Amino acid sequence: QIYSNLDERQREIVIEQDRRVVQAVADLAE
């Protein structure tokens, strides 16, 4: 339910930004 308080458009944008943050962590760890 982590994104349950976001509308569909907000959810799409936030999920994409989260994906980029996760990738930044992966890149620095490597």
PDB file of all heavy atoms in Angstrom:
ATOM      1  N   GLN A   1       0.805  -1.212   0.000  1.00  0.00           N
ATOM      2  CA  GLN A   1       0.000   0.000   0.000  1.00  0.00           C
ATOM      3  C   GLN A   1       0.848   1.277   0.000  1.00  0.00           C
ATOM      4  O   GLN A   1       0.335   2.364   0.231  1.00  0.00           O
ATOM      5  CB  GLN A   1      -0.909   0.006   1.232  1.00  0.00           C
ATOM      6  CG  GLN A   1      -0.134   0.010   2.549  1.00  0.00           C
ATOM      7  CD  GLN A   1      -0.996   0.416   3.723  1.00  0.00           C
ATOM      8  OE1 GLN A   1      -1.945   1.176   3.588  1.00  0.00           O
ATOM      9  NE2 GLN A   1      -0.653  -0.079   4.890  1.00  0.00           N
ATOM     10  N   ILE A   2       2.144   1.137  -0.292  1.00  0.00           N
ATOM     11  CA  ILE A   2       3.044   2.278  -0.167  1.00  0.00           C
ATOM     12  C   ILE A   2       2.667   3.445  -1.075  1.00  0.00           C
ATOM     13  O   ILE A   2       2.880   4.598  -0.753  1.00  0.00           O
ATOM     14  CB  ILE A   2       4.509   1.833  -0.438  1.00  0.00           C
ATOM     15  CG1 ILE A   2       5.493   2.926  -0.030  1.00  0.00           C
ATOM     16  CG2 ILE A   2       4.698   1.446  -1.882  1.00  0.00           C
ATOM     17  CD1 ILE A   2       5.561   3.189   1.432  1.00  0.00           C
ATOM     18  N   TYR A   3       2.083   3.151  -2.253  1.00  0.00           N
ATOM     19  CA  TYR A   3       1.683   4.215  -3.172  1.00  0.00           C
ATOM     20  C   TYR A   3       0.177   4.443  -3.166  1.00  0.00           C
ATOM     21  O   TYR A   3      -0.363   5.084  -4.063  1.00  0.00           O
ATOM     22  CB  TYR A   3       2.133   3.878  -4.593  1.00  0.00           C
ATOM     23  CG  TYR A   3       3.622   3.660  -4.746  1.00  0.00           C
ATOM     24  CD1 TYR A   3       4.131   2.416  -5.087  1.00  0.00           C
ATOM     25  CD2 TYR A   3       4.523   4.707  -4.540  1.00  0.00           C
ATOM     26  CE1 TYR A   3       5.496   2.209  -5.234  1.00  0.00           C
ATOM     27  CE2 TYR A   3       5.883   4.512  -4.669  1.00  0.00           C
ATOM     28  CZ  TYR A   3       6.362   3.260  -5.016  1.00  0.00           C
ATOM     29  OH  TYR A   3       7.716   3.059  -5.155  1.00  0.00           O
ATOM     30  N   SER A   4      -0.514   3.932  -2.154  1.00  0.00           N
ATOM     31  CA  SER A   4      -1.976   3.961  -2.156  1.00  0.00           C
ATOM     32  C   SER A   4      -2.558   5.362  -2.019  1.00  0.00           C
ATOM     33  O   SER A   4      -3.726   5.584  -2.325  1.00  0.00           O
ATOM     34  CB  SER A   4      -2.517   3.065  -1.034  1.00  0.00           C
ATOM     35  OG  SER A   4      -2.105   3.541   0.232  1.00  0.00           O
ATOM     36  N   ASN A   5      -1.754   6.324  -1.547  1.00  0.00           N
ATOM     37  CA  ASN A   5      -2.261   7.682  -1.391  1.00  0.00           C
ATOM     38  C   ASN A   5      -1.937   8.564  -2.590  1.00  0.00           C
ATOM     39  O   ASN A   5      -2.063   9.785  -2.525  1.00  0.00           O
ATOM     40  CB  ASN A   5      -1.688   8.317  -0.116  1.00  0.00           C
ATOM     41  CG  ASN A   5      -0.167   8.353  -0.122  1.00  0.00           C
ATOM     42  OD1 ASN A   5       0.469   7.544  -0.807  1.00  0.00           O
ATOM     43  ND2 ASN A   5       0.415   9.277   0.620  1.00  0.00           N
ATOM     44  N   LEU A   6      -1.519   7.963  -3.708  1.00  0.00           N
ATOM     45  CA  LEU A   6      -1.199   8.710  -4.927  1.00  0.00           C
ATOM     46  C   LEU A   6      -2.202   8.362  -6.015  1.00  0.00           C
ATOM     47  O   LEU A   6      -2.677   7.223  -6.096  1.00  0.00           O
ATOM     48  CB  LEU A   6       0.209   8.362  -5.419  1.00  0.00           C
ATOM     49  CG  LEU A   6       1.365   8.512  -4.421  1.00  0.00           C
ATOM     50  CD1 LEU A   6       2.656   8.027  -5.065  1.00  0.00           C
ATOM     51  CD2 LEU A   6       1.501   9.953  -3.961  1.00  0.00           C
ATOM     52  N   ASP A   7      -2.532   9.363  -6.861  1.00  0.00           N
ATOM     53  CA  ASP A   7      -3.384   9.033  -7.997  1.00  0.00           C
ATOM     54  C   ASP A   7      -2.535   8.344  -9.064  1.00  0.00           C
ATOM     55  O   ASP A   7      -1.317   8.217  -8.925  1.00  0.00           O
ATOM     56  CB  ASP A   7      -4.084  10.281  -8.559  1.00  0.00           C
ATOM     57  CG  ASP A   7      -3.111  11.343  -9.078  1.00  0.00           C
ATOM     58  OD1 ASP A   7      -2.045  10.984  -9.623  1.00  0.00           O
ATOM     59  OD2 ASP A   7      -3.421  12.536  -8.960  1.00  0.00           O
ATOM     60  N   GLU A   8      -3.171   7.884 -10.130  1.00  0.00           N
ATOM     61  CA  GLU A   8      -2.476   7.062 -11.116  1.00  0.00           C
ATOM     62  C   GLU A   8      -1.288   7.790 -11.741  1.00  0.00           C
ATOM     63  O   GLU A   8      -0.207   7.205 -11.907  1.00  0.00           O
ATOM     64  CB  GLU A   8      -3.453   6.630 -12.210  1.00  0.00           C
ATOM     65  CG  GLU A   8      -2.837   5.679 -13.233  1.00  0.00           C
ATOM     66  CD  GLU A   8      -3.854   5.172 -14.232  1.00  0.00           C
ATOM     67  OE1 GLU A   8      -5.050   5.437 -14.055  1.00  0.00           O
ATOM     68  OE2 GLU A   8      -3.432   4.498 -15.202  1.00  0.00           O
ATOM     69  N   ARG A   9      -1.460   9.055 -12.089  1.00  0.00           N
ATOM     70  CA  ARG A   9      -0.376   9.810 -12.708  1.00  0.00           C
ATOM     71  C   ARG A   9       0.771  10.026 -11.734  1.00  0.00           C
ATOM     72  O   ARG A   9       1.942   9.846 -12.078  1.00  0.00           O
ATOM     73  CB  ARG A   9      -0.898  11.161 -13.216  1.00  0.00           C
ATOM     74  CG  ARG A   9       0.167  12.044 -13.874  1.00  0.00           C
ATOM     75  CD  ARG A   9       0.856  11.318 -15.012  1.00  0.00           C
ATOM     76  NE  ARG A   9       1.846  12.165 -15.661  1.00  0.00           N
ATOM     77  CZ  ARG A   9       2.823  11.714 -16.419  1.00  0.00           C
ATOM     78  NH1 ARG A   9       2.955  10.405 -16.628  1.00  0.00           N
ATOM     79  NH2 ARG A   9       3.680  12.553 -16.979  1.00  0.00           N
ATOM     80  N   GLN A  10       0.450  10.414 -10.507  1.00  0.00           N
ATOM     81  CA  GLN A  10       1.486  10.593  -9.483  1.00  0.00           C
ATOM     82  C   GLN A  10       2.243   9.292  -9.256  1.00  0.00           C
ATOM     83  O   GLN A  10       3.464   9.289  -9.124  1.00  0.00           O
ATOM     84  CB  GLN A  10       0.844  11.037  -8.159  1.00  0.00           C
ATOM     85  CG  GLN A  10       0.344  12.469  -8.122  1.00  0.00           C
ATOM     86  CD  GLN A  10      -0.333  12.775  -6.805  1.00  0.00           C
ATOM     87  OE1 GLN A  10      -1.106  11.967  -6.272  1.00  0.00           O
ATOM     88  NE2 GLN A  10      -0.059  13.940  -6.254  1.00  0.00           N
ATOM     89  N   ARG A  11       1.507   8.207  -9.212  1.00  0.00           N
ATOM     90  CA  ARG A  11       2.124   6.906  -8.952  1.00  0.00           C
ATOM     91  C   ARG A  11       3.138   6.562 -10.045  1.00  0.00           C
ATOM     92  O   ARG A  11       4.245   6.099  -9.756  1.00  0.00           O
ATOM     93  CB  ARG A  11       1.048   5.821  -8.878  1.00  0.00           C
ATOM     94  CG  ARG A  11       1.574   4.469  -8.406  1.00  0.00           C
ATOM     95  CD  ARG A  11       0.454   3.445  -8.298  1.00  0.00           C
ATOM     96  NE  ARG A  11      -0.549   3.871  -7.339  1.00  0.00           N
ATOM     97  CZ  ARG A  11      -1.794   4.203  -7.667  1.00  0.00           C
ATOM     98  NH1 ARG A  11      -2.184   4.169  -8.929  1.00  0.00           N
ATOM     99  NH2 ARG A  11      -2.655   4.576  -6.745  1.00  0.00           N
ATOM    100  N   GLU A  12       2.787   6.808 -11.295  1.00  0.00           N
ATOM    101  CA  GLU A  12       3.698   6.514 -12.401  1.00  0.00           C
ATOM    102  C   GLU A  12       4.976   7.329 -12.289  1.00  0.00           C
ATOM    103  O   GLU A  12       6.084   6.808 -12.484  1.00  0.00           O
ATOM    104  CB  GLU A  12       3.009   6.811 -13.735  1.00  0.00           C
ATOM    105  CG  GLU A  12       1.877   5.855 -14.085  1.00  0.00           C
ATOM    106  CD  GLU A  12       1.198   6.237 -15.384  1.00  0.00           C
ATOM    107  OE1 GLU A  12       1.569   7.294 -15.960  1.00  0.00           O
ATOM    108  OE2 GLU A  12       0.297   5.493 -15.834  1.00  0.00           O
ATOM    109  N   ILE A  13       4.836   8.611 -11.957  1.00  0.00           N
ATOM    110  CA  ILE A  13       6.000   9.496 -11.866  1.00  0.00           C
ATOM    111  C   ILE A  13       6.892   9.099 -10.692  1.00  0.00           C
ATOM    112  O   ILE A  13       8.114   8.992 -10.824  1.00  0.00           O
ATOM    113  CB  ILE A  13       5.551  10.965 -11.714  1.00  0.00           C
ATOM    114  CG1 ILE A  13       4.811  11.424 -12.984  1.00  0.00           C
ATOM    115  CG2 ILE A  13       6.749  11.871 -11.439  1.00  0.00           C
ATOM    116  CD1 ILE A  13       4.181  12.797 -12.858  1.00  0.00           C
ATOM    117  N   VAL A  14       6.280   8.867  -9.522  1.00  0.00           N
ATOM    118  CA  VAL A  14       7.051   8.524  -8.330  1.00  0.00           C
ATOM    119  C   VAL A  14       7.757   7.183  -8.503  1.00  0.00           C
ATOM    120  O   VAL A  14       8.932   7.028  -8.130  1.00  0.00           O
ATOM    121  CB  VAL A  14       6.144   8.507  -7.086  1.00  0.00           C
ATOM    122  CG1 VAL A  14       6.874   7.888  -5.897  1.00  0.00           C
ATOM    123  CG2 VAL A  14       5.691   9.924  -6.739  1.00  0.00           C
ATOM    124  N   ILE A  15       7.083   6.212  -9.083  1.00  0.00           N
ATOM    125  CA  ILE A  15       7.703   4.906  -9.291  1.00  0.00           C
ATOM    126  C   ILE A  15       8.923   5.020 -10.195  1.00  0.00           C
ATOM    127  O   ILE A  15       9.961   4.396  -9.945  1.00  0.00           O
ATOM    128  CB  ILE A  15       6.677   3.914  -9.877  1.00  0.00           C
ATOM    129  CG1 ILE A  15       5.663   3.524  -8.793  1.00  0.00           C
ATOM    130  CG2 ILE A  15       7.366   2.669 -10.421  1.00  0.00           C
ATOM    131  CD1 ILE A  15       4.545   2.643  -9.288  1.00  0.00           C
ATOM    132  N   GLU A  16       8.832   5.849 -11.223  1.00  0.00           N
ATOM    133  CA  GLU A  16       9.981   6.030 -12.115  1.00  0.00           C
ATOM    134  C   GLU A  16      11.136   6.704 -11.374  1.00  0.00           C
ATOM    135  O   GLU A  16      12.305   6.325 -11.546  1.00  0.00           O
ATOM    136  CB  GLU A  16       9.581   6.863 -13.325  1.00  0.00           C
ATOM    137  CG  GLU A  16      10.739   7.254 -14.244  1.00  0.00           C
ATOM    138  CD  GLU A  16      11.538   6.079 -14.784  1.00  0.00           C
ATOM    139  OE1 GLU A  16      11.003   4.941 -14.833  1.00  0.00           O
ATOM    140  OE2 GLU A  16      12.716   6.284 -15.141  1.00  0.00           O
ATOM    141  N   GLN A  17      10.837   7.701 -10.547  1.00  0.00           N
ATOM    142  CA  GLN A  17      11.891   8.351  -9.776  1.00  0.00           C
ATOM    143  C   GLN A  17      12.516   7.379  -8.775  1.00  0.00           C
ATOM    144  O   GLN A  17      13.731   7.373  -8.580  1.00  0.00           O
ATOM    145  CB  GLN A  17      11.329   9.584  -9.041  1.00  0.00           C
ATOM    146  CG  GLN A  17      10.789  10.665  -9.953  1.00  0.00           C
ATOM    147  CD  GLN A  17      11.813  11.128 -10.960  1.00  0.00           C
ATOM    148  OE1 GLN A  17      12.943  11.459 -10.611  1.00  0.00           O
ATOM    149  NE2 GLN A  17      11.426  11.171 -12.229  1.00  0.00           N
ATOM    150  N   ASP A  18      11.691   6.557  -8.159  1.00  0.00           N
ATOM    151  CA  ASP A  18      12.217   5.554  -7.226  1.00  0.00           C
ATOM    152  C   ASP A  18      13.149   4.586  -7.944  1.00  0.00           C
ATOM    153  O   ASP A  18      14.189   4.187  -7.407  1.00  0.00           O
ATOM    154  CB  ASP A  18      11.075   4.783  -6.565  1.00  0.00           C
ATOM    155  CG  ASP A  18      10.360   5.582  -5.486  1.00  0.00           C
ATOM    156  OD1 ASP A  18      10.811   6.707  -5.196  1.00  0.00           O
ATOM    157  OD2 ASP A  18       9.365   5.076  -4.937  1.00  0.00           O
ATOM    158  N   ARG A  19      12.775   4.200  -9.141  1.00  0.00           N
ATOM    159  CA  ARG A  19      13.622   3.294  -9.925  1.00  0.00           C
ATOM    160  C   ARG A  19      14.989   3.927 -10.160  1.00  0.00           C
ATOM    161  O   ARG A  19      16.027   3.255 -10.059  1.00  0.00           O
ATOM    162  CB  ARG A  19      12.959   2.972 -11.263  1.00  0.00           C
ATOM    163  CG  ARG A  19      13.730   1.947 -12.109  1.00  0.00           C
ATOM    164  CD  ARG A  19      13.212   1.897 -13.525  1.00  0.00           C
ATOM    165  NE  ARG A  19      13.482   3.133 -14.235  1.00  0.00           N
ATOM    166  CZ  ARG A  19      14.674   3.478 -14.732  1.00  0.00           C
ATOM    167  NH1 ARG A  19      15.723   2.661 -14.584  1.00  0.00           N
ATOM    168  NH2 ARG A  19      14.833   4.623 -15.364  1.00  0.00           N
ATOM    169  N   ARG A  20      15.017   5.212 -10.435  1.00  0.00           N
ATOM    170  CA  ARG A  20      16.287   5.902 -10.680  1.00  0.00           C
ATOM    171  C   ARG A  20      17.127   5.981  -9.407  1.00  0.00           C
ATOM    172  O   ARG A  20      18.358   5.887  -9.460  1.00  0.00           O
ATOM    173  CB  ARG A  20      16.017   7.298 -11.231  1.00  0.00           C
ATOM    174  CG  ARG A  20      15.358   7.297 -12.615  1.00  0.00           C
ATOM    175  CD  ARG A  20      15.145   8.706 -13.120  1.00  0.00           C
ATOM    176  NE  ARG A  20      14.465   8.708 -14.413  1.00  0.00           N
ATOM    177  CZ  ARG A  20      14.169   9.809 -15.111  1.00  0.00           C
ATOM    178  NH1 ARG A  20      14.499  10.998 -14.621  1.00  0.00           N
ATOM    179  NH2 ARG A  20      13.549   9.720 -16.266  1.00  0.00           N
ATOM    180  N   VAL A  21      16.476   6.187  -8.266  1.00  0.00           N
ATOM    181  CA  VAL A  21      17.212   6.212  -6.996  1.00  0.00           C
ATOM    182  C   VAL A  21      17.836   4.851  -6.728  1.00  0.00           C
ATOM    183  O   VAL A  21      19.009   4.749  -6.336  1.00  0.00           O
ATOM    184  CB  VAL A  21      16.280   6.618  -5.831  1.00  0.00           C
ATOM    185  CG1 VAL A  21      17.016   6.488  -4.497  1.00  0.00           C
ATOM    186  CG2 VAL A  21      15.770   8.046  -6.013  1.00  0.00           C
ATOM    187  N   VAL A  22      17.064   3.795  -6.933  1.00  0.00           N
ATOM    188  CA  VAL A  22      17.581   2.439  -6.735  1.00  0.00           C
ATOM    189  C   VAL A  22      18.783   2.190  -7.639  1.00  0.00           C
ATOM    190  O   VAL A  22      19.782   1.591  -7.225  1.00  0.00           O
ATOM    191  CB  VAL A  22      16.470   1.400  -6.994  1.00  0.00           C
ATOM    192  CG1 VAL A  22      17.043  -0.016  -7.043  1.00  0.00           C
ATOM    193  CG2 VAL A  22      15.399   1.493  -5.911  1.00  0.00           C
ATOM    194  N   GLN A  23      18.703   2.682  -8.871  1.00  0.00           N
ATOM    195  CA  GLN A  23      19.812   2.490  -9.804  1.00  0.00           C
ATOM    196  C   GLN A  23      21.035   3.279  -9.365  1.00  0.00           C
ATOM    197  O   GLN A  23      22.179   2.811  -9.511  1.00  0.00           O
ATOM    198  CB  GLN A  23      19.399   2.917 -11.222  1.00  0.00           C
ATOM    199  CG  GLN A  23      20.426   2.579 -12.290  1.00  0.00           C
ATOM    200  CD  GLN A  23      20.720   1.099 -12.370  1.00  0.00           C
ATOM    201  OE1 GLN A  23      19.799   0.286 -12.450  1.00  0.00           O
ATOM    202  NE2 GLN A  23      22.003   0.729 -12.326  1.00  0.00           N
ATOM    203  N   ALA A  24      20.830   4.480  -8.819  1.00  0.00           N
ATOM    204  CA  ALA A  24      21.955   5.284  -8.338  1.00  0.00           C
ATOM    205  C   ALA A  24      22.682   4.571  -7.201  1.00  0.00           C
ATOM    206  O   ALA A  24      23.918   4.599  -7.120  1.00  0.00           O
ATOM    207  CB  ALA A  24      21.457   6.657  -7.865  1.00  0.00           C
ATOM    208  N   VAL A  25      21.932   3.919  -6.323  1.00  0.00           N
ATOM    209  CA  VAL A  25      22.544   3.143  -5.240  1.00  0.00           C
ATOM    210  C   VAL A  25      23.352   1.991  -5.826  1.00  0.00           C
ATOM    211  O   VAL A  25      24.490   1.731  -5.412  1.00  0.00           O
ATOM    212  CB  VAL A  25      21.462   2.616  -4.279  1.00  0.00           C
ATOM    213  CG1 VAL A  25      22.076   1.648  -3.263  1.00  0.00           C
ATOM    214  CG2 VAL A  25      20.781   3.764  -3.549  1.00  0.00           C
ATOM    215  N   ALA A  26      22.771   1.311  -6.808  1.00  0.00           N
ATOM    216  CA  ALA A  26      23.454   0.174  -7.432  1.00  0.00           C
ATOM    217  C   ALA A  26      24.748   0.619  -8.121  1.00  0.00           C
ATOM    218  O   ALA A  26      25.786  -0.051  -8.014  1.00  0.00           O
ATOM    219  CB  ALA A  26      22.527  -0.501  -8.439  1.00  0.00           C
ATOM    220  N   ASP A  27      24.686   1.755  -8.814  1.00  0.00           N
ATOM    221  CA  ASP A  27      25.868   2.248  -9.531  1.00  0.00           C
ATOM    222  C   ASP A  27      26.992   2.599  -8.563  1.00  0.00           C
ATOM    223  O   ASP A  27      28.170   2.263  -8.807  1.00  0.00           O
ATOM    224  CB  ASP A  27      25.496   3.482 -10.366  1.00  0.00           C
ATOM    225  CG  ASP A  27      24.573   3.141 -11.535  1.00  0.00           C
ATOM    226  OD1 ASP A  27      24.479   1.958 -11.893  1.00  0.00           O
ATOM    227  OD2 ASP A  27      23.928   4.076 -12.071  1.00  0.00           O
ATOM    228  N   LEU A  28      26.659   3.279  -7.467  1.00  0.00           N
ATOM    229  CA  LEU A  28      27.689   3.674  -6.503  1.00  0.00           C
ATOM    230  C   LEU A  28      28.256   2.447  -5.794  1.00  0.00           C
ATOM    231  O   LEU A  28      29.474   2.366  -5.570  1.00  0.00           O
ATOM    232  CB  LEU A  28      27.113   4.657  -5.487  1.00  0.00           C
ATOM    233  CG  LEU A  28      28.090   5.164  -4.418  1.00  0.00           C
ATOM    234  CD1 LEU A  28      29.331   5.774  -5.044  1.00  0.00           C
ATOM    235  CD2 LEU A  28      27.404   6.177  -3.497  1.00  0.00           C
ATOM    236  N   ALA A  29      27.397   1.495  -5.461  1.00  0.00           N
ATOM    237  CA  ALA A  29      27.870   0.278  -4.815  1.00  0.00           C
ATOM    238  C   ALA A  29      28.851  -0.475  -5.713  1.00  0.00           C
ATOM    239  O   ALA A  29      29.881  -0.981  -5.244  1.00  0.00           O
ATOM    240  CB  ALA A  29      26.685  -0.622  -4.468  1.00  0.00           C
ATOM    241  N   GLU A  30      28.557  -0.515  -7.005  1.00  0.00           N
ATOM    242  CA  GLU A  30      29.453  -1.199  -7.941  1.00  0.00           C
ATOM    243  C   GLU A  30      30.791  -0.479  -8.027  1.00  0.00           C
ATOM    244  O   GLU A  30      31.850  -1.118  -8.039  1.00  0.00           O
ATOM    245  CB  GLU A  30      28.797  -1.281  -9.314  1.00  0.00           C
ATOM    246  CG  GLU A  30      29.627  -2.061 -10.335  1.00  0.00           C
ATOM    247  CD  GLU A  30      28.921  -2.207 -11.670  1.00  0.00           C
ATOM    248  OE1 GLU A  30      27.826  -1.654 -11.842  1.00  0.00           O
ATOM    249  OE2 GLU A  30      29.493  -2.885 -12.554  1.00  0.00           O
TER     250      GLU A  30
END
